[in-house]
Amino acid sequence: MDALGYTTYVGKQSPTESEICNGLAAGHGLVANVHNGGHWVLLTGCAGGGVYYVNDPGYSTDTYSHGEIVDLAVYH
């Protein structure tokens, strides 16, 4: 995505729930590493209570909790 000029990779971060929700509201791309580091999903929104909506092509789930996120890649 960086090469196409649509977004820039900022880096891996460990933000709070509030920071994640603010980033999503600002249109930042947040890609979360879940399943003990074995799977990546796109965060799409905040459900509240530390739960996030996701696009997950590998599993039939549409939410993950803050505690299930191992790592977070941030794009602006």
N, C-alpha and C. Protein backbone atom coordinates (compact mmCIF):
# COMPACT_ATOMS: atom_id res chain seq x y z
N MET A 1 0.82 -1.19 0.00
CA MET A 1 0.00 0.00 0.00
C MET A 1 0.87 1.26 0.00
N ASP A 2 2.00 1.22 0.70
CA ASP A 2 2.87 2.39 0.72
C ASP A 2 3.29 2.78 -0.70
N ALA A 3 3.67 1.79 -1.52
CA ALA A 3 4.16 2.05 -2.88
C ALA A 3 3.08 2.66 -3.77
N LEU A 4 1.83 2.36 -3.49
CA LEU A 4 0.73 2.91 -4.29
C LEU A 4 0.35 4.32 -3.85
N GLY A 5 0.89 4.77 -2.73
CA GLY A 5 0.63 6.12 -2.26
C GLY A 5 -0.67 6.31 -1.50
N TYR A 6 -1.32 5.22 -1.14
CA TYR A 6 -2.59 5.34 -0.42
C TYR A 6 -2.42 5.50 1.07
N THR A 7 -1.36 4.95 1.60
CA THR A 7 -1.16 4.97 3.04
C THR A 7 0.32 4.80 3.34
N THR A 8 0.69 5.05 4.58
CA THR A 8 2.06 4.90 5.01
C THR A 8 2.09 4.03 6.26
N TYR A 9 2.96 3.05 6.26
CA TYR A 9 3.14 2.20 7.43
C TYR A 9 3.83 2.99 8.51
N VAL A 10 3.20 3.09 9.67
CA VAL A 10 3.74 3.84 10.80
C VAL A 10 4.61 2.94 11.66
N GLY A 11 4.17 1.70 11.88
CA GLY A 11 4.92 0.76 12.70
C GLY A 11 4.00 -0.06 13.57
N LYS A 12 4.60 -0.92 14.34
CA LYS A 12 3.84 -1.74 15.29
C LYS A 12 3.73 -0.97 16.59
N GLN A 13 2.54 -1.01 17.16
CA GLN A 13 2.29 -0.27 18.39
C GLN A 13 1.46 -1.12 19.35
N SER A 14 1.38 -0.67 20.59
CA SER A 14 0.54 -1.30 21.61
C SER A 14 -0.37 -0.24 22.22
N PRO A 15 -1.32 0.26 21.44
CA PRO A 15 -2.20 1.33 21.92
C PRO A 15 -3.27 0.84 22.88
N THR A 16 -3.82 1.79 23.61
CA THR A 16 -4.95 1.50 24.49
C THR A 16 -6.21 1.36 23.65
N GLU A 17 -7.28 0.91 24.27
CA GLU A 17 -8.57 0.81 23.57
C GLU A 17 -9.00 2.17 23.04
N SER A 18 -8.86 3.19 23.84
CA SER A 18 -9.25 4.55 23.44
C SER A 18 -8.44 5.01 22.23
N GLU A 19 -7.15 4.75 22.24
CA GLU A 19 -6.29 5.15 21.11
C GLU A 19 -6.67 4.39 19.84
N ILE A 20 -7.02 3.11 19.97
CA ILE A 20 -7.45 2.33 18.82
C ILE A 20 -8.75 2.90 18.25
N CYS A 21 -9.72 3.16 19.11
CA CYS A 21 -11.02 3.69 18.65
C CYS A 21 -10.84 5.07 18.01
N ASN A 22 -9.99 5.91 18.58
CA ASN A 22 -9.71 7.22 18.00
C ASN A 22 -9.03 7.08 16.64
N GLY A 23 -8.11 6.14 16.52
CA GLY A 23 -7.43 5.90 15.25
C GLY A 23 -8.38 5.41 14.18
N LEU A 24 -9.29 4.52 14.55
CA LEU A 24 -10.28 4.03 13.59
C LEU A 24 -11.20 5.16 13.14
N ALA A 25 -11.60 6.01 14.08
CA ALA A 25 -12.46 7.14 13.76
C ALA A 25 -11.76 8.13 12.83
N ALA A 26 -10.43 8.21 12.93
CA ALA A 26 -9.65 9.11 12.09
C ALA A 26 -9.33 8.48 10.73
N GLY A 27 -9.75 7.23 10.53
CA GLY A 27 -9.53 6.58 9.25
C GLY A 27 -8.20 5.87 9.11
N HIS A 28 -7.51 5.64 10.22
CA HIS A 28 -6.24 4.94 10.16
C HIS A 28 -6.47 3.45 9.95
N GLY A 29 -5.57 2.82 9.23
CA GLY A 29 -5.64 1.38 9.03
C GLY A 29 -4.98 0.67 10.19
N LEU A 30 -5.71 -0.19 10.86
CA LEU A 30 -5.18 -0.93 12.00
C LEU A 30 -5.34 -2.41 11.73
N VAL A 31 -4.20 -3.10 11.67
CA VAL A 31 -4.19 -4.52 11.37
C VAL A 31 -3.69 -5.24 12.62
N ALA A 32 -4.54 -6.08 13.19
CA ALA A 32 -4.25 -6.74 14.46
C ALA A 32 -3.78 -8.17 14.26
N ASN A 33 -2.78 -8.54 15.02
CA ASN A 33 -2.28 -9.91 15.05
C ASN A 33 -2.98 -10.63 16.21
N VAL A 34 -3.70 -11.71 15.88
CA VAL A 34 -4.48 -12.47 16.86
C VAL A 34 -4.12 -13.95 16.79
N HIS A 35 -4.82 -14.77 17.53
CA HIS A 35 -4.58 -16.22 17.59
C HIS A 35 -3.12 -16.51 17.97
N ASN A 36 -2.70 -15.87 19.07
CA ASN A 36 -1.35 -16.05 19.61
C ASN A 36 -0.26 -15.76 18.58
N GLY A 37 -0.53 -14.78 17.72
CA GLY A 37 0.47 -14.34 16.75
C GLY A 37 0.42 -15.05 15.42
N GLY A 38 -0.58 -15.89 15.20
CA GLY A 38 -0.62 -16.67 13.98
C GLY A 38 -1.56 -16.19 12.90
N HIS A 39 -2.21 -15.02 13.10
CA HIS A 39 -3.24 -14.59 12.14
C HIS A 39 -3.41 -13.08 12.22
N TRP A 40 -3.61 -12.42 11.07
CA TRP A 40 -3.79 -10.97 11.01
C TRP A 40 -5.20 -10.65 10.53
N VAL A 41 -5.82 -9.61 11.13
CA VAL A 41 -7.16 -9.17 10.75
C VAL A 41 -7.19 -7.64 10.68
N LEU A 42 -8.11 -7.12 9.91
CA LEU A 42 -8.29 -5.67 9.81
C LEU A 42 -9.34 -5.22 10.82
N LEU A 43 -8.98 -4.29 11.69
CA LEU A 43 -9.96 -3.71 12.61
C LEU A 43 -10.83 -2.73 11.84
N THR A 44 -12.15 -2.81 12.05
CA THR A 44 -13.07 -1.94 11.31
C THR A 44 -13.89 -1.03 12.20
N GLY A 45 -13.94 -1.30 13.51
CA GLY A 45 -14.73 -0.46 14.40
C GLY A 45 -14.62 -0.91 15.83
N CYS A 46 -15.17 -0.10 16.71
CA CYS A 46 -15.17 -0.39 18.14
C CYS A 46 -16.58 -0.76 18.59
N ALA A 47 -16.69 -1.89 19.26
CA ALA A 47 -17.98 -2.33 19.78
C ALA A 47 -18.17 -1.87 21.22
N GLY A 48 -17.08 -1.44 21.87
CA GLY A 48 -17.12 -1.03 23.27
C GLY A 48 -16.68 -2.16 24.18
N GLY A 49 -16.29 -1.80 25.37
CA GLY A 49 -15.88 -2.79 26.35
C GLY A 49 -14.65 -3.59 25.94
N GLY A 50 -13.77 -2.97 25.16
CA GLY A 50 -12.55 -3.65 24.74
C GLY A 50 -12.75 -4.66 23.62
N VAL A 51 -13.83 -4.52 22.87
CA VAL A 51 -14.12 -5.43 21.76
C VAL A 51 -14.12 -4.62 20.46
N TYR A 52 -13.51 -5.20 19.42
CA TYR A 52 -13.38 -4.53 18.13
C TYR A 52 -14.03 -5.36 17.03
N TYR A 53 -14.67 -4.68 16.09
CA TYR A 53 -15.18 -5.34 14.89
C TYR A 53 -14.02 -5.54 13.93
N VAL A 54 -14.04 -6.65 13.20
CA VAL A 54 -12.93 -6.96 12.30
C VAL A 54 -13.43 -7.54 10.99
N ASN A 55 -12.58 -7.44 9.96
CA ASN A 55 -12.72 -8.23 8.75
C ASN A 55 -11.72 -9.37 8.90
N ASP A 56 -12.22 -10.58 8.98
CA ASP A 56 -11.39 -11.76 9.21
C ASP A 56 -11.68 -12.80 8.13
N PRO A 57 -10.83 -12.86 7.10
CA PRO A 57 -11.08 -13.80 6.01
C PRO A 57 -10.80 -15.25 6.37
N GLY A 58 -10.11 -15.49 7.47
CA GLY A 58 -9.71 -16.85 7.80
C GLY A 58 -10.59 -17.57 8.81
N TYR A 59 -11.39 -16.83 9.54
CA TYR A 59 -12.23 -17.41 10.58
C TYR A 59 -13.62 -16.79 10.49
N SER A 60 -14.60 -17.48 10.99
CA SER A 60 -15.97 -16.96 10.95
C SER A 60 -16.29 -16.19 12.23
N THR A 61 -15.52 -15.14 12.45
CA THR A 61 -15.76 -14.26 13.58
C THR A 61 -15.74 -12.82 13.09
N ASP A 62 -16.50 -11.97 13.75
CA ASP A 62 -16.50 -10.57 13.35
C ASP A 62 -16.05 -9.65 14.48
N THR A 63 -15.59 -10.23 15.60
CA THR A 63 -15.05 -9.42 16.70
C THR A 63 -13.88 -10.12 17.37
N TYR A 64 -13.01 -9.32 17.94
CA TYR A 64 -11.94 -9.80 18.81
C TYR A 64 -11.84 -8.83 19.98
N SER A 65 -11.40 -9.34 21.12
CA SER A 65 -11.23 -8.48 22.29
C SER A 65 -9.82 -7.92 22.33
N HIS A 66 -9.65 -6.86 23.09
CA HIS A 66 -8.35 -6.22 23.24
C HIS A 66 -7.29 -7.22 23.72
N GLY A 67 -7.69 -8.10 24.62
CA GLY A 67 -6.76 -9.08 25.18
C GLY A 67 -6.30 -10.14 24.18
N GLU A 68 -7.04 -10.30 23.08
CA GLU A 68 -6.67 -11.28 22.06
C GLU A 68 -5.67 -10.73 21.05
N ILE A 69 -5.43 -9.42 21.08
CA ILE A 69 -4.51 -8.79 20.14
C ILE A 69 -3.09 -8.92 20.67
N VAL A 70 -2.24 -9.56 19.89
CA VAL A 70 -0.84 -9.77 20.25
C VAL A 70 0.01 -8.59 19.80
N ASP A 71 -0.30 -8.06 18.64
CA ASP A 71 0.48 -6.99 18.03
C ASP A 71 -0.46 -6.17 17.15
N LEU A 72 -0.09 -4.94 16.85
CA LEU A 72 -0.94 -4.09 16.02
C LEU A 72 -0.07 -3.29 15.05
N ALA A 73 -0.33 -3.47 13.76
CA ALA A 73 0.36 -2.69 12.72
C ALA A 73 -0.52 -1.49 12.38
N VAL A 74 0.10 -0.31 12.35
CA VAL A 74 -0.65 0.93 12.16
C VAL A 74 -0.26 1.58 10.83
N TYR A 75 -1.28 1.98 10.07
CA TYR A 75 -1.10 2.68 8.80
C TYR A 75 -1.87 3.98 8.85
N HIS A 76 -1.27 5.06 8.32
CA HIS A 76 -1.94 6.36 8.22
C HIS A 76 -2.03 6.75 6.77
